[in-house]
Amino acid sequence: FRSLHGEWSLRRRLDSRLTQWGPSGQVEGVARFEAPGGGRAGEEDMLFEENGTFRADVGKLSFQARQSYVFAYNPAGDVLEVYFPDAPASSACAASGVCSPQGA
């Protein structure tokens, strides 16, 4: 888990199934894993931030795109939870759809 720390190249494909909500396209840029410190007891948290440029498949639409997630790893249970930074820790499973076998 700790080996993810640092900067990575980012290329993410976004396919819109409902074009009224936005076009399909690709984001290219950088992703960073950073340890924010102060992880919850028995866990290790890492902030994941994506920054890049979205370019639509059709037309000339492009804009800066950014997204952040918190990756919370519990080595004792070998469980990884992913959630948005503003989500309360107790809702990590519901927010991410990634749950431990115990449903935590």
Protein backbone atom coordinates (compact mmCIF):
# COMPACT_ATOMS: atom_id res chain seq x y z
CA PHE A 1 0.00 0.00 0.00
CA ARG A 2 2.75 2.46 0.95
CA SER A 3 4.51 1.86 -2.37
CA LEU A 4 1.70 3.81 -4.10
CA HIS A 5 3.02 7.04 -2.52
CA GLY A 6 4.16 9.64 -5.05
CA GLU A 7 3.20 10.96 -8.46
CA TRP A 8 1.83 8.84 -11.31
CA SER A 9 0.80 9.50 -14.90
CA LEU A 10 -2.96 9.54 -15.33
CA ARG A 11 -5.03 8.56 -18.34
CA ARG A 12 -8.70 7.86 -17.63
CA ARG A 13 -11.41 7.11 -20.17
CA LEU A 14 -14.88 8.48 -19.34
CA ASP A 15 -17.78 6.99 -21.28
CA SER A 16 -21.07 8.82 -20.90
CA ARG A 17 -24.10 6.59 -21.31
CA LEU A 18 -26.39 9.61 -20.94
CA THR A 19 -25.09 12.26 -23.31
CA GLN A 20 -27.40 14.91 -21.83
CA TRP A 21 -25.16 14.78 -18.71
CA GLY A 22 -21.95 15.24 -20.66
CA PRO A 23 -19.84 13.89 -23.48
CA SER A 24 -17.49 10.95 -23.46
CA GLY A 25 -13.79 11.67 -23.54
CA GLN A 26 -10.46 11.21 -21.83
CA VAL A 27 -8.63 12.82 -18.92
CA GLU A 28 -4.84 13.01 -19.03
CA GLY A 29 -2.67 14.44 -16.30
CA VAL A 30 -1.13 13.36 -13.00
CA ALA A 31 -2.31 11.43 -9.98
CA ARG A 32 -0.73 11.69 -6.54
CA PHE A 33 -0.91 9.49 -3.47
CA GLU A 34 -0.01 11.47 -0.35
CA ALA A 35 -0.16 10.48 3.28
CA PRO A 36 -2.28 13.12 5.02
CA GLY A 37 -1.24 11.90 8.48
CA GLY A 38 -3.53 11.37 11.41
CA GLY A 39 -5.00 8.12 10.09
CA ARG A 40 -7.67 6.43 12.17
CA ALA A 41 -6.48 3.99 14.85
CA GLY A 42 -5.18 0.79 13.29
CA GLU A 43 -5.45 2.17 9.77
CA GLU A 44 -3.30 3.97 7.26
CA ASP A 45 -4.93 6.66 5.10
CA MET A 46 -3.64 8.06 1.85
CA LEU A 47 -5.11 10.95 -0.10
CA PHE A 48 -5.39 10.29 -3.85
CA GLU A 49 -5.74 13.35 -6.10
CA GLU A 50 -6.24 13.36 -9.86
CA ASN A 51 -5.50 16.54 -11.85
CA GLY A 52 -5.67 16.73 -15.60
CA THR A 53 -7.36 17.96 -18.74
CA PHE A 54 -10.59 16.43 -20.02
CA ARG A 55 -10.93 16.37 -23.80
CA ALA A 56 -14.26 15.36 -25.34
CA ASP A 57 -14.31 12.80 -28.14
CA VAL A 58 -16.46 15.09 -30.30
CA GLY A 59 -15.96 18.81 -30.78
CA LYS A 60 -13.38 21.02 -29.11
CA LEU A 61 -14.59 20.84 -25.51
CA SER A 62 -11.79 20.62 -22.95
CA PHE A 63 -11.47 21.70 -19.34
CA GLN A 64 -9.42 21.13 -16.20
CA ALA A 65 -10.63 18.13 -14.19
CA ARG A 66 -9.91 17.24 -10.59
CA GLN A 67 -11.06 14.48 -8.24
CA SER A 68 -9.95 13.34 -4.79
CA TYR A 69 -10.43 10.13 -2.86
CA VAL A 70 -9.20 8.77 0.44
CA PHE A 71 -7.77 5.27 0.42
CA ALA A 72 -7.96 3.84 3.95
CA TYR A 73 -6.04 0.61 4.51
CA ASN A 74 -6.43 -1.53 7.62
CA PRO A 75 -3.49 -3.96 7.65
CA ALA A 76 -4.92 -6.00 10.54
CA GLY A 77 -7.94 -7.00 8.46
CA ASP A 78 -6.25 -6.51 5.09
CA VAL A 79 -9.15 -4.23 4.10
CA LEU A 80 -9.02 -1.27 1.73
CA GLU A 81 -11.84 1.30 1.74
CA VAL A 82 -12.12 4.12 -0.79
CA TYR A 83 -14.28 7.18 -0.17
CA PHE A 84 -14.59 10.86 -0.98
CA PRO A 85 -12.66 13.13 1.44
CA ASP A 86 -15.80 14.92 2.65
CA ALA A 87 -17.66 11.66 3.44
CA PRO A 88 -17.70 10.67 7.11
CA ALA A 89 -15.45 7.68 7.78
CA SER A 90 -18.45 5.65 8.96
CA SER A 91 -20.03 5.93 5.51
CA ALA A 92 -16.95 4.81 3.58
CA CYS A 93 -18.49 1.50 2.63
CA ALA A 94 -21.76 3.04 1.46
CA ALA A 95 -20.03 5.86 -0.43
CA SER A 96 -17.59 3.65 -2.26
CA GLY A 97 -19.34 0.33 -2.63
CA VAL A 98 -16.10 -1.23 -1.37
CA CYS A 99 -16.82 -3.08 1.84
CA SER A 100 -14.94 -5.47 4.05
CA PRO A 101 -16.28 -9.02 4.38
CA GLN A 102 -17.74 -8.01 7.74
CA GLY A 103 -19.70 -5.15 6.08
CA ALA A 104 -17.70 -2.42 7.84
